[in-house]
Amino acid sequence: LGSKGGSGISPGLLKLTTMSVPAAPGVAAPQRAERDRLLRRMEHNARARERAQRMNGVLTAKRTAVKEAFLQEHSDFRRTYLDTMAERTQRWTAKTQESPFHLDLWDEDERKYHANMQMNVVAQRKQKLAEIRQREAYDTIQRKATSERDELSELRTERRILVENMKNLKAIHDVNKSNTRAAKVIEERNKKELDRQQAQLERAMSSPGL
């Protein structure tokens, strides 16, 4: 038999069982006492089950309220925690905005290392090129100096030859000049002699004795 309170006996049946039932003929008193004891036990168990069910309902309601309060408190705590973490993250992000740790320091160091290596290679090439150009300039100066020395020697030789030639030309000019002077003297002498002979001839032609 079922019941609303969950007990095995309905209240109506309990009332019927608790009523004094006239003893059947031939039923002994001990049997009646045992029956009454069982009925009282059943009634007591039914009431105990009913109290337990009411208690369970109250406890379930309290447990549900406590659970809901705990879940609400946990939700509020989690929301507060997340808000605090977001605010803290935002604050530290603003504080560390210029921090070098935002970059990959290893990659930055590798990039600078390779850049320095490239600059060193370029500097070495420039230095080597400068040394080559300096050596070429030195060789050019040496060749030019040697060439100038050769040209100077040639110029000196040519000057010496020119001086000698000028001396020779002057000597030849002097000789020619003295020869011209001697030829002029001889020419004048011959002219005088020719004039004298012409004069003698004219005198002889004009003499009456011829």
N, C-alpha and C. Protein backbone atom coordinates (compact mmCIF):
# COMPACT_ATOMS: atom_id res chain seq x y z
N LEU A 1 0.84 -1.20 0.00
CA LEU A 1 0.00 0.00 0.00
C LEU A 1 0.86 1.24 0.00
N GLY A 2 0.47 2.19 -0.79
CA GLY A 2 1.26 3.43 -0.82
C GLY A 2 0.63 4.47 0.04
N SER A 3 1.40 5.58 0.28
CA SER A 3 0.90 6.68 1.10
C SER A 3 1.52 7.96 0.60
N LYS A 4 0.92 9.13 0.90
CA LYS A 4 1.47 10.43 0.51
C LYS A 4 2.78 10.72 1.22
N GLY A 5 2.90 10.38 2.44
CA GLY A 5 4.10 10.66 3.22
C GLY A 5 5.21 9.69 2.96
N GLY A 6 4.99 8.69 2.15
CA GLY A 6 6.04 7.73 1.86
C GLY A 6 6.05 6.57 2.80
N SER A 7 5.13 6.52 3.77
CA SER A 7 5.10 5.38 4.70
C SER A 7 4.32 4.25 4.06
N GLY A 8 4.43 3.11 4.59
CA GLY A 8 3.77 1.93 4.03
C GLY A 8 2.30 1.83 4.37
N ILE A 9 1.79 2.67 5.33
CA ILE A 9 0.39 2.55 5.79
C ILE A 9 -0.26 3.90 5.63
N SER A 10 -1.48 3.93 5.12
CA SER A 10 -2.19 5.19 4.94
C SER A 10 -2.74 5.65 6.27
N PRO A 11 -2.98 7.01 6.39
CA PRO A 11 -3.52 7.49 7.68
C PRO A 11 -4.84 6.87 8.04
N GLY A 12 -5.69 6.63 7.04
CA GLY A 12 -6.99 6.01 7.35
C GLY A 12 -6.82 4.62 7.93
N LEU A 13 -5.88 3.89 7.34
CA LEU A 13 -5.62 2.54 7.87
C LEU A 13 -5.05 2.59 9.26
N LEU A 14 -4.20 3.66 9.49
CA LEU A 14 -3.65 3.79 10.84
C LEU A 14 -4.74 4.03 11.87
N LYS A 15 -5.70 4.88 11.45
CA LYS A 15 -6.79 5.13 12.39
C LYS A 15 -7.57 3.84 12.67
N LEU A 16 -7.77 3.09 11.62
CA LEU A 16 -8.51 1.84 11.82
C LEU A 16 -7.73 0.87 12.69
N THR A 17 -6.45 0.86 12.51
CA THR A 17 -5.63 -0.10 13.27
C THR A 17 -5.48 0.34 14.71
N THR A 18 -5.56 1.65 14.94
CA THR A 18 -5.37 2.12 16.31
C THR A 18 -6.65 2.01 17.14
N MET A 19 -7.75 1.89 16.42
CA MET A 19 -9.01 1.74 17.16
C MET A 19 -8.99 0.39 17.87
N SER A 20 -9.63 0.37 18.99
CA SER A 20 -9.72 -0.90 19.75
C SER A 20 -10.68 -1.81 19.04
N VAL A 21 -10.14 -2.91 18.71
CA VAL A 21 -10.94 -3.92 18.01
C VAL A 21 -11.40 -4.94 19.04
N PRO A 22 -12.69 -5.20 19.02
CA PRO A 22 -13.14 -6.22 20.01
C PRO A 22 -12.49 -7.55 19.74
N ALA A 23 -12.13 -8.14 20.77
CA ALA A 23 -11.43 -9.42 20.69
C ALA A 23 -12.36 -10.47 20.12
N ALA A 24 -11.78 -11.20 19.20
CA ALA A 24 -12.56 -12.30 18.62
C ALA A 24 -12.68 -13.41 19.65
N PRO A 25 -13.75 -14.10 19.55
CA PRO A 25 -13.89 -15.19 20.52
C PRO A 25 -12.76 -16.19 20.37
N GLY A 26 -12.16 -16.48 21.37
CA GLY A 26 -11.12 -17.49 21.38
C GLY A 26 -9.72 -16.92 21.21
N VAL A 27 -9.64 -15.59 21.10
CA VAL A 27 -8.30 -14.97 20.94
C VAL A 27 -7.79 -14.64 22.33
N ALA A 28 -6.61 -15.00 22.55
CA ALA A 28 -6.03 -14.83 23.89
C ALA A 28 -5.56 -13.41 24.08
N ALA A 29 -5.37 -12.96 25.29
CA ALA A 29 -4.92 -11.59 25.62
C ALA A 29 -3.50 -11.33 25.15
N PRO A 30 -2.58 -12.27 25.25
CA PRO A 30 -1.22 -11.99 24.74
C PRO A 30 -1.20 -11.68 23.27
N GLN A 31 -2.02 -12.31 22.49
CA GLN A 31 -2.06 -12.04 21.05
C GLN A 31 -2.55 -10.62 20.80
N ARG A 32 -3.55 -10.19 21.61
CA ARG A 32 -4.03 -8.84 21.44
C ARG A 32 -2.94 -7.82 21.79
N ALA A 33 -2.21 -8.08 22.77
CA ALA A 33 -1.13 -7.17 23.18
C ALA A 33 -0.04 -7.09 22.11
N GLU A 34 0.28 -8.24 21.50
CA GLU A 34 1.29 -8.27 20.43
C GLU A 34 0.80 -7.51 19.23
N ARG A 35 -0.46 -7.66 18.95
CA ARG A 35 -1.03 -6.95 17.80
C ARG A 35 -1.01 -5.45 18.06
N ASP A 36 -1.39 -5.01 19.25
CA ASP A 36 -1.36 -3.59 19.56
C ASP A 36 0.07 -3.03 19.50
N ARG A 37 0.99 -3.83 19.99
CA ARG A 37 2.40 -3.38 19.95
C ARG A 37 2.87 -3.19 18.50
N LEU A 38 2.52 -4.13 17.64
CA LEU A 38 2.90 -4.01 16.22
C LEU A 38 2.24 -2.80 15.57
N LEU A 39 0.99 -2.59 15.90
CA LEU A 39 0.30 -1.43 15.34
C LEU A 39 0.93 -0.13 15.80
N ARG A 40 1.29 -0.06 17.10
CA ARG A 40 1.94 1.16 17.59
C ARG A 40 3.30 1.38 16.91
N ARG A 41 4.00 0.25 16.69
CA ARG A 41 5.31 0.37 16.01
C ARG A 41 5.13 0.87 14.58
N MET A 42 4.15 0.36 13.90
CA MET A 42 3.89 0.81 12.54
C MET A 42 3.50 2.28 12.51
N GLU A 43 2.70 2.70 13.46
CA GLU A 43 2.32 4.11 13.51
C GLU A 43 3.54 4.98 13.82
N HIS A 44 4.35 4.51 14.75
CA HIS A 44 5.56 5.26 15.08
C HIS A 44 6.49 5.36 13.88
N ASN A 45 6.65 4.26 13.16
CA ASN A 45 7.53 4.29 11.96
C ASN A 45 6.97 5.23 10.90
N ALA A 46 5.65 5.20 10.73
CA ALA A 46 5.04 6.08 9.73
C ALA A 46 5.26 7.54 10.10
N ARG A 47 5.07 7.88 11.37
CA ARG A 47 5.32 9.26 11.79
C ARG A 47 6.79 9.63 11.64
N ALA A 48 7.67 8.67 11.96
CA ALA A 48 9.11 8.93 11.82
C ALA A 48 9.47 9.18 10.36
N ARG A 49 8.86 8.35 9.48
CA ARG A 49 9.15 8.56 8.05
C ARG A 49 8.62 9.92 7.58
N GLU A 50 7.46 10.29 8.09
CA GLU A 50 6.89 11.58 7.69
C GLU A 50 7.77 12.73 8.17
N ARG A 51 8.24 12.64 9.43
CA ARG A 51 9.14 13.68 9.94
C ARG A 51 10.44 13.71 9.13
N ALA A 52 10.93 12.48 8.80
CA ALA A 52 12.17 12.42 8.02
C ALA A 52 11.98 13.05 6.64
N GLN A 53 10.80 12.80 6.03
CA GLN A 53 10.56 13.39 4.71
C GLN A 53 10.45 14.91 4.81
N ARG A 54 9.72 15.37 5.89
CA ARG A 54 9.65 16.82 6.06
C ARG A 54 11.04 17.41 6.28
N MET A 55 11.85 16.71 7.11
CA MET A 55 13.21 17.17 7.38
C MET A 55 14.06 17.17 6.10
N ASN A 56 13.87 16.08 5.31
CA ASN A 56 14.62 16.01 4.05
C ASN A 56 14.22 17.15 3.11
N GLY A 57 12.94 17.47 3.08
CA GLY A 57 12.49 18.59 2.24
C GLY A 57 13.11 19.91 2.68
N VAL A 58 13.08 20.12 4.02
CA VAL A 58 13.68 21.36 4.55
C VAL A 58 15.16 21.40 4.25
N LEU A 59 15.86 20.26 4.47
CA LEU A 59 17.30 20.20 4.21
C LEU A 59 17.61 20.39 2.73
N THR A 60 16.75 19.78 1.89
CA THR A 60 16.95 19.95 0.45
C THR A 60 16.79 21.40 0.04
N ALA A 61 15.77 22.08 0.60
CA ALA A 61 15.57 23.50 0.29
C ALA A 61 16.76 24.34 0.78
N LYS A 62 17.20 24.02 2.03
CA LYS A 62 18.36 24.75 2.55
C LYS A 62 19.61 24.49 1.71
N ARG A 63 19.76 23.19 1.36
CA ARG A 63 20.94 22.82 0.56
C ARG A 63 20.89 23.53 -0.80
N THR A 64 19.69 23.59 -1.38
CA THR A 64 19.55 24.28 -2.67
C THR A 64 19.85 25.76 -2.53
N ALA A 65 19.34 26.35 -1.41
CA ALA A 65 19.60 27.78 -1.19
C ALA A 65 21.09 28.03 -0.98
N VAL A 66 21.70 27.15 -0.16
CA VAL A 66 23.14 27.30 0.10
C VAL A 66 23.95 27.12 -1.18
N LYS A 67 23.54 26.12 -2.01
CA LYS A 67 24.24 25.88 -3.26
C LYS A 67 24.12 27.07 -4.20
N GLU A 68 22.86 27.60 -4.27
CA GLU A 68 22.67 28.76 -5.13
C GLU A 68 23.47 29.96 -4.63
N ALA A 69 23.48 30.13 -3.28
CA ALA A 69 24.25 31.23 -2.71
C ALA A 69 25.74 31.04 -2.99
N PHE A 70 26.20 29.79 -2.85
CA PHE A 70 27.62 29.50 -3.13
C PHE A 70 27.96 29.76 -4.60
N LEU A 71 27.07 29.28 -5.50
CA LEU A 71 27.31 29.51 -6.92
C LEU A 71 27.31 30.99 -7.26
N GLN A 72 26.37 31.75 -6.63
CA GLN A 72 26.33 33.18 -6.87
C GLN A 72 27.59 33.85 -6.33
N GLU A 73 28.00 33.41 -5.11
CA GLU A 73 29.22 33.97 -4.53
C GLU A 73 30.43 33.62 -5.38
N HIS A 74 30.48 32.38 -5.87
CA HIS A 74 31.59 31.97 -6.72
C HIS A 74 31.60 32.75 -8.04
N SER A 75 30.40 32.97 -8.60
CA SER A 75 30.30 33.75 -9.83
C SER A 75 30.75 35.19 -9.61
N ASP A 76 30.29 35.78 -8.45
CA ASP A 76 30.70 37.14 -8.15
C ASP A 76 32.21 37.22 -7.93
N PHE A 77 32.75 36.21 -7.20
CA PHE A 77 34.19 36.20 -6.96
C PHE A 77 34.97 36.07 -8.27
N ARG A 78 34.49 35.18 -9.15
CA ARG A 78 35.17 34.97 -10.43
C ARG A 78 35.11 36.24 -11.28
N ARG A 79 33.93 36.88 -11.29
CA ARG A 79 33.80 38.11 -12.06
C ARG A 79 34.70 39.20 -11.49
N THR A 80 34.73 39.32 -10.17
CA THR A 80 35.62 40.30 -9.53
C THR A 80 37.08 39.99 -9.83
N TYR A 81 37.41 38.69 -9.75
CA TYR A 81 38.80 38.27 -10.03
C TYR A 81 39.20 38.60 -11.46
N LEU A 82 38.30 38.30 -12.40
CA LEU A 82 38.60 38.58 -13.81
C LEU A 82 38.72 40.08 -14.05
N ASP A 83 37.82 40.86 -13.43
CA ASP A 83 37.91 42.31 -13.57
C ASP A 83 39.21 42.84 -12.99
N THR A 84 39.58 42.31 -11.83
CA THR A 84 40.83 42.74 -11.21
C THR A 84 42.03 42.36 -12.06
N MET A 85 42.02 41.13 -12.58
CA MET A 85 43.12 40.69 -13.43
C MET A 85 43.21 41.53 -14.70
N ALA A 86 42.05 41.85 -15.29
CA ALA A 86 42.05 42.68 -16.50
C ALA A 86 42.59 44.07 -16.20
N GLU A 87 42.15 44.65 -15.05
CA GLU A 87 42.63 45.98 -14.67
C GLU A 87 44.13 45.95 -14.37
N ARG A 88 44.57 44.88 -13.68
CA ARG A 88 46.00 44.75 -13.37
C ARG A 88 46.82 44.57 -14.64
N THR A 89 46.31 43.73 -15.54
CA THR A 89 47.02 43.52 -16.82
C THR A 89 47.12 44.81 -17.61
N GLN A 90 46.01 45.55 -17.64
CA GLN A 90 46.01 46.82 -18.36
C GLN A 90 46.98 47.81 -17.73
N ARG A 91 47.01 47.84 -16.39
CA ARG A 91 47.91 48.77 -15.69
C ARG A 91 49.37 48.43 -15.95
N TRP A 92 49.71 47.13 -15.84
CA TRP A 92 51.10 46.73 -16.07
C TRP A 92 51.48 46.83 -17.54
N THR A 93 50.49 46.64 -18.42
CA THR A 93 50.78 46.82 -19.85
C THR A 93 51.14 48.27 -20.13
N ALA A 94 50.42 49.19 -19.48
CA ALA A 94 50.73 50.61 -19.67
C ALA A 94 52.09 50.95 -19.06
N LYS A 95 52.40 50.33 -17.89
CA LYS A 95 53.67 50.62 -17.24
C LYS A 95 54.85 50.07 -18.04
N THR A 96 54.67 48.89 -18.61
CA THR A 96 55.77 48.23 -19.32
C THR A 96 55.66 48.40 -20.83
N GLN A 97 55.00 49.48 -21.27
CA GLN A 97 54.81 49.67 -22.71
C GLN A 97 56.15 49.91 -23.41
N GLU A 98 57.07 50.60 -22.73
CA GLU A 98 58.37 50.89 -23.31
C GLU A 98 59.44 49.90 -22.87
N SER A 99 59.06 48.80 -22.31
CA SER A 99 60.02 47.80 -21.86
C SER A 99 60.65 47.10 -23.06
N PRO A 100 61.98 46.84 -23.00
CA PRO A 100 62.62 46.12 -24.11
C PRO A 100 62.23 44.65 -24.18
N PHE A 101 61.57 44.16 -23.13
CA PHE A 101 61.22 42.75 -23.12
C PHE A 101 60.02 42.44 -24.02
N HIS A 102 59.41 43.48 -24.59
CA HIS A 102 58.36 43.22 -25.57
C HIS A 102 58.93 42.62 -26.85
N LEU A 103 60.22 42.86 -27.07
CA LEU A 103 60.86 42.34 -28.27
C LEU A 103 61.54 41.01 -27.97
N ASP A 104 61.86 40.31 -29.04
CA ASP A 104 62.63 39.07 -28.93
C ASP A 104 64.10 39.46 -28.85
N LEU A 105 64.62 39.50 -27.59
CA LEU A 105 65.97 40.00 -27.39
C LEU A 105 67.01 39.13 -28.09
N TRP A 106 66.77 37.82 -28.11
CA TRP A 106 67.72 36.93 -28.79
C TRP A 106 67.74 37.23 -30.28
N ASP A 107 66.55 37.38 -30.87
CA ASP A 107 66.49 37.69 -32.30
C ASP A 107 67.08 39.06 -32.58
N GLU A 108 66.83 40.02 -31.67
CA GLU A 108 67.41 41.35 -31.85
C GLU A 108 68.93 41.30 -31.77
N ASP A 109 69.45 40.51 -30.82
CA ASP A 109 70.90 40.37 -30.69
C ASP A 109 71.49 39.68 -31.92
N GLU A 110 70.80 38.66 -32.43
CA GLU A 110 71.27 37.98 -33.64
C GLU A 110 71.29 38.95 -34.82
N ARG A 111 70.25 39.77 -34.92
CA ARG A 111 70.19 40.72 -36.03
C ARG A 111 71.33 41.74 -35.93
N LYS A 112 71.57 42.25 -34.73
CA LYS A 112 72.67 43.20 -34.55
C LYS A 112 74.02 42.53 -34.81
N TYR A 113 74.16 41.28 -34.39
CA TYR A 113 75.43 40.57 -34.62
C TYR A 113 75.70 40.43 -36.11
N HIS A 114 74.68 39.98 -36.86
CA HIS A 114 74.86 39.82 -38.30
C HIS A 114 75.09 41.17 -38.98
N ALA A 115 74.41 42.21 -38.50
CA ALA A 115 74.62 43.54 -39.07
C ALA A 115 76.05 44.02 -38.82
N ASN A 116 76.56 43.76 -37.59
CA ASN A 116 77.94 44.14 -37.28
C ASN A 116 78.93 43.34 -38.12
N MET A 117 78.65 42.05 -38.30
CA MET A 117 79.52 41.24 -39.14
C MET A 117 79.53 41.78 -40.57
N GLN A 118 78.36 42.14 -41.08
CA GLN A 118 78.29 42.70 -42.44
C GLN A 118 79.05 44.02 -42.52
N MET A 119 78.91 44.86 -41.47
CA MET A 119 79.63 46.12 -41.46
C MET A 119 81.13 45.89 -41.40
N ASN A 120 81.56 44.88 -40.63
CA ASN A 120 82.98 44.56 -40.56
C ASN A 120 83.51 44.10 -41.92
N VAL A 121 82.71 43.27 -42.61
CA VAL A 121 83.13 42.82 -43.94
C VAL A 121 83.26 44.00 -44.89
N VAL A 122 82.26 44.89 -44.84
CA VAL A 122 82.31 46.08 -45.71
C VAL A 122 83.50 46.96 -45.36
N ALA A 123 83.76 47.12 -44.05
CA ALA A 123 84.90 47.95 -43.62
C ALA A 123 86.22 47.33 -44.06
N GLN A 124 86.32 45.98 -43.94
CA GLN A 124 87.54 45.32 -44.40
C GLN A 124 87.74 45.48 -45.89
N ARG A 125 86.64 45.37 -46.67
CA ARG A 125 86.75 45.57 -48.11
C ARG A 125 87.19 46.99 -48.43
N LYS A 126 86.60 47.96 -47.73
CA LYS A 126 86.99 49.35 -47.97
C LYS A 126 88.45 49.58 -47.61
N GLN A 127 88.89 49.00 -46.47
CA GLN A 127 90.27 49.16 -46.06
C GLN A 127 91.22 48.53 -47.07
N LYS A 128 90.85 47.32 -47.55
CA LYS A 128 91.69 46.65 -48.54
C LYS A 128 91.74 47.45 -49.84
N LEU A 129 90.59 47.98 -50.26
CA LEU A 129 90.55 48.79 -51.47
C LEU A 129 91.38 50.06 -51.30
N ALA A 130 91.30 50.66 -50.10
CA ALA A 130 92.10 51.86 -49.84
C ALA A 130 93.59 51.54 -49.88
N GLU A 131 93.97 50.37 -49.31
CA GLU A 131 95.38 49.97 -49.35
C GLU A 131 95.83 49.76 -50.79
N ILE A 132 94.97 49.11 -51.60
CA ILE A 132 95.33 48.89 -53.01
C ILE A 132 95.49 50.21 -53.73
N ARG A 133 94.56 51.13 -53.50
CA ARG A 133 94.66 52.44 -54.16
C ARG A 133 95.88 53.21 -53.67
N GLN A 134 96.18 53.11 -52.38
CA GLN A 134 97.37 53.79 -51.86
C GLN A 134 98.64 53.21 -52.46
N ARG A 135 98.66 51.86 -52.61
CA ARG A 135 99.81 51.23 -53.23
C ARG A 135 99.95 51.64 -54.69
N GLU A 136 98.80 51.69 -55.40
CA GLU A 136 98.85 52.12 -56.79
C GLU A 136 99.30 53.57 -56.90
N ALA A 137 98.81 54.42 -55.99
CA ALA A 137 99.24 55.82 -56.01
C ALA A 137 100.74 55.93 -55.74
N TYR A 138 101.25 55.13 -54.78
CA TYR A 138 102.68 55.14 -54.48
C TYR A 138 103.49 54.69 -55.68
N ASP A 139 103.00 53.62 -56.34
CA ASP A 139 103.70 53.13 -57.54
C ASP A 139 103.67 54.18 -58.64
N THR A 140 102.53 54.84 -58.80
CA THR A 140 102.43 55.89 -59.81
C THR A 140 103.41 57.02 -59.52
N ILE A 141 103.47 57.42 -58.25
CA ILE A 141 104.41 58.48 -57.87
C ILE A 141 105.85 58.04 -58.13
N GLN A 142 106.14 56.77 -57.80
CA GLN A 142 107.50 56.27 -58.03
C GLN A 142 107.83 56.27 -59.52
N ARG A 143 106.86 55.76 -60.33
CA ARG A 143 107.11 55.75 -61.77
C ARG A 143 107.24 57.16 -62.32
N LYS A 144 106.40 58.07 -61.80
CA LYS A 144 106.47 59.44 -62.26
C LYS A 144 107.79 60.08 -61.88
N ALA A 145 108.23 59.81 -60.64
CA ALA A 145 109.52 60.36 -60.20
C ALA A 145 110.65 59.81 -61.04
N THR A 146 110.63 58.50 -61.31
CA THR A 146 111.67 57.90 -62.15
C THR A 146 111.63 58.48 -63.55
N SER A 147 110.39 58.63 -64.08
CA SER A 147 110.25 59.21 -65.41
C SER A 147 110.73 60.65 -65.43
N GLU A 148 110.42 61.41 -64.38
CA GLU A 148 110.89 62.78 -64.32
C GLU A 148 112.41 62.86 -64.22
N ARG A 149 112.99 61.91 -63.46
CA ARG A 149 114.45 61.88 -63.38
C ARG A 149 115.05 61.60 -64.75
N ASP A 150 114.43 60.64 -65.48
CA ASP A 150 114.91 60.32 -66.83
C ASP A 150 114.75 61.52 -67.75
N GLU A 151 113.59 62.18 -67.67
CA GLU A 151 113.36 63.34 -68.51
C GLU A 151 114.33 64.46 -68.15
N LEU A 152 114.59 64.63 -66.85
CA LEU A 152 115.54 65.66 -66.43
C LEU A 152 116.93 65.37 -66.97
N SER A 153 117.31 64.07 -66.90
CA SER A 153 118.62 63.70 -67.44
C SER A 153 118.67 63.96 -68.94
N GLU A 154 117.56 63.60 -69.62
CA GLU A 154 117.52 63.85 -71.07
C GLU A 154 117.57 65.34 -71.37
N LEU A 155 116.83 66.12 -70.56
CA LEU A 155 116.85 67.56 -70.77
C LEU A 155 118.26 68.13 -70.54
N ARG A 156 118.92 67.64 -69.53
CA ARG A 156 120.29 68.11 -69.27
C ARG A 156 121.22 67.76 -70.43
N THR A 157 121.07 66.51 -70.92
CA THR A 157 121.90 66.11 -72.07
C THR A 157 121.61 66.97 -73.28
N GLU A 158 120.28 67.18 -73.54
CA GLU A 158 119.93 68.01 -74.68
C GLU A 158 120.44 69.45 -74.50
N ARG A 159 120.39 69.94 -73.29
CA ARG A 159 120.88 71.29 -73.03
C ARG A 159 122.39 71.37 -73.26
N ARG A 160 123.08 70.34 -72.80
CA ARG A 160 124.54 70.33 -73.00
C ARG A 160 124.88 70.30 -74.50
N ILE A 161 124.12 69.45 -75.23
CA ILE A 161 124.34 69.38 -76.68
C ILE A 161 124.01 70.71 -77.33
N LEU A 162 122.87 71.32 -76.86
CA LEU A 162 122.50 72.61 -77.42
C LEU A 162 123.56 73.67 -77.16
N VAL A 163 124.09 73.64 -75.93
CA VAL A 163 125.14 74.62 -75.60
C VAL A 163 126.36 74.40 -76.49
N GLU A 164 126.72 73.14 -76.67
CA GLU A 164 127.85 72.84 -77.53
C GLU A 164 127.57 73.28 -78.96
N ASN A 165 126.36 72.99 -79.44
CA ASN A 165 126.01 73.41 -80.80
C ASN A 165 126.04 74.92 -80.94
N MET A 166 125.52 75.61 -79.90
CA MET A 166 125.57 77.07 -79.96
C MET A 166 127.01 77.58 -79.98
N LYS A 167 127.86 76.91 -79.21
CA LYS A 167 129.27 77.30 -79.24
C LYS A 167 129.87 77.09 -80.63
N ASN A 168 129.54 75.94 -81.20
CA ASN A 168 130.06 75.65 -82.54
C ASN A 168 129.54 76.65 -83.56
N LEU A 169 128.21 76.94 -83.47
CA LEU A 169 127.64 77.91 -84.39
C LEU A 169 128.28 79.29 -84.21
N LYS A 170 128.53 79.65 -82.97
CA LYS A 170 129.18 80.94 -82.73
C LYS A 170 130.58 80.96 -83.32
N ALA A 171 131.28 79.81 -83.13
CA ALA A 171 132.64 79.75 -83.70
C ALA A 171 132.58 79.84 -85.22
N ILE A 172 131.61 79.10 -85.81
CA ILE A 172 131.47 79.16 -87.27
C ILE A 172 131.10 80.57 -87.71
N HIS A 173 130.21 81.21 -86.95
CA HIS A 173 129.82 82.58 -87.27
C HIS A 173 131.00 83.52 -87.17
N ASP A 174 131.79 83.30 -86.15
CA ASP A 174 132.98 84.14 -85.99
C ASP A 174 133.94 83.93 -87.16
N VAL A 175 134.09 82.66 -87.53
CA VAL A 175 134.98 82.37 -88.66
C VAL A 175 134.43 83.00 -89.94
N ASN A 176 133.13 82.80 -90.13
CA ASN A 176 132.51 83.39 -91.32
C ASN A 176 132.62 84.90 -91.30
N LYS A 177 132.45 85.45 -90.13
CA LYS A 177 132.55 86.91 -90.02
C LYS A 177 133.95 87.39 -90.35
N SER A 178 134.96 86.70 -89.79
CA SER A 178 136.33 87.10 -90.11
C SER A 178 136.64 86.84 -91.58
N ASN A 179 136.12 85.74 -92.15
CA ASN A 179 136.33 85.49 -93.58
C ASN A 179 135.66 86.56 -94.42
N THR A 180 134.48 86.97 -94.00
CA THR A 180 133.79 88.04 -94.74
C THR A 180 134.58 89.34 -94.67
N ARG A 181 135.12 89.61 -93.50
CA ARG A 181 135.91 90.82 -93.35
C ARG A 181 137.17 90.75 -94.22
N ALA A 182 137.82 89.58 -94.23
CA ALA A 182 139.03 89.43 -95.06
C ALA A 182 138.70 89.54 -96.54
N ALA A 183 137.55 88.93 -96.91
CA ALA A 183 137.16 89.01 -98.32
C ALA A 183 136.83 90.44 -98.71
N LYS A 184 136.25 91.19 -97.80
CA LYS A 184 135.92 92.58 -98.06
C LYS A 184 137.19 93.40 -98.23
N VAL A 185 138.17 93.10 -97.37
CA VAL A 185 139.46 93.83 -97.48
C VAL A 185 140.11 93.52 -98.82
N ILE A 186 140.10 92.23 -99.15
CA ILE A 186 140.70 91.84 -100.44
C ILE A 186 139.94 92.47 -101.59
N GLU A 187 138.61 92.51 -101.47
CA GLU A 187 137.81 93.09 -102.53
C GLU A 187 138.12 94.58 -102.68
N GLU A 188 138.24 95.24 -101.53
CA GLU A 188 138.58 96.66 -101.60
C GLU A 188 139.98 96.86 -102.19
N ARG A 189 140.86 95.99 -101.79
CA ARG A 189 142.23 96.09 -102.33
C ARG A 189 142.23 95.87 -103.84
N ASN A 190 141.51 94.85 -104.26
CA ASN A 190 141.46 94.58 -105.70
C ASN A 190 140.80 95.73 -106.45
N LYS A 191 139.79 96.32 -105.82
CA LYS A 191 139.10 97.44 -106.45
C LYS A 191 140.05 98.64 -106.60
N LYS A 192 140.82 98.85 -105.55
CA LYS A 192 141.76 99.96 -105.61
C LYS A 192 142.81 99.71 -106.69
N GLU A 193 143.22 98.43 -106.71
CA GLU A 193 144.23 98.10 -107.74
C GLU A 193 143.64 98.24 -109.13
N LEU A 194 142.38 97.84 -109.31
CA LEU A 194 141.74 97.98 -110.60
C LEU A 194 141.55 99.44 -110.94
N ASP A 195 141.21 100.24 -109.99
CA ASP A 195 141.05 101.67 -110.23
C ASP A 195 142.38 102.32 -110.62
N ARG A 196 143.41 101.84 -109.94
CA ARG A 196 144.75 102.41 -110.24
C ARG A 196 145.13 102.04 -111.65
N GLN A 197 144.90 100.76 -111.99
CA GLN A 197 145.29 100.34 -113.34
C GLN A 197 144.42 101.06 -114.38
N GLN A 198 143.16 101.27 -114.10
CA GLN A 198 142.29 101.98 -115.02
C GLN A 198 142.76 103.44 -115.19
N ALA A 199 143.19 103.98 -114.11
CA ALA A 199 143.67 105.37 -114.17
C ALA A 199 144.95 105.45 -114.98
N GLN A 200 145.81 104.48 -114.77
CA GLN A 200 147.06 104.48 -115.54
C GLN A 200 146.75 104.29 -117.03
N LEU A 201 145.77 103.43 -117.30
CA LEU A 201 145.43 103.17 -118.69
C LEU A 201 144.85 104.44 -119.31
N GLU A 202 144.05 105.09 -118.59
CA GLU A 202 143.45 106.31 -119.12
C GLU A 202 144.52 107.38 -119.33
N ARG A 203 145.47 107.45 -118.44
CA ARG A 203 146.52 108.44 -118.61
C ARG A 203 147.38 108.07 -119.82
N ALA A 204 147.62 106.78 -119.94
CA ALA A 204 148.42 106.38 -121.08
C ALA A 204 147.71 106.65 -122.41
N MET A 205 146.44 106.48 -122.46
CA MET A 205 145.68 106.68 -123.67
C MET A 205 145.58 108.16 -124.03
N SER A 206 145.59 108.91 -122.97
CA SER A 206 145.47 110.33 -123.23
C SER A 206 146.81 111.01 -123.44
N SER A 207 147.91 110.27 -123.41
CA SER A 207 149.25 110.89 -123.60
C SER A 207 149.41 111.17 -125.09
N PRO A 208 149.97 112.35 -125.51
CA PRO A 208 150.13 112.71 -126.91
C PRO A 208 151.21 111.90 -127.58
N GLY A 209 152.09 111.32 -126.89
CA GLY A 209 153.17 110.59 -127.49
C GLY A 209 152.74 109.22 -128.00
N LEU A 210 151.63 108.82 -127.77
CA LEU A 210 151.18 107.49 -128.26
C LEU A 210 150.42 107.65 -129.53
